[in-house]
């Protein structure tokens, strides 16, 4: 006899919500789901990309020191 574990309910973001694409490590704004793929766009604007629902999680709160934040180009970090 085998015991099947039910899959956890997939996270369902709201339109305009910041989310994390765990496959790429990018933070994006959730736009829509079409054909089973979530459409995300960069927070500062730009080209959308798609992510599978299982790779999308809530983004860390702003100012939380998320690992996905990057220094702007040309800025020298004071961190060792």
Foldseek 3Di string as FASTA:
>chain_A
DDDDDDDDDFDDDDQQAWKAQQVVRAIFGFHDADPQWTWTAHPVGDDIDTHHRVRIDHDDDPPPPRPSDDDPPPDDDPDD
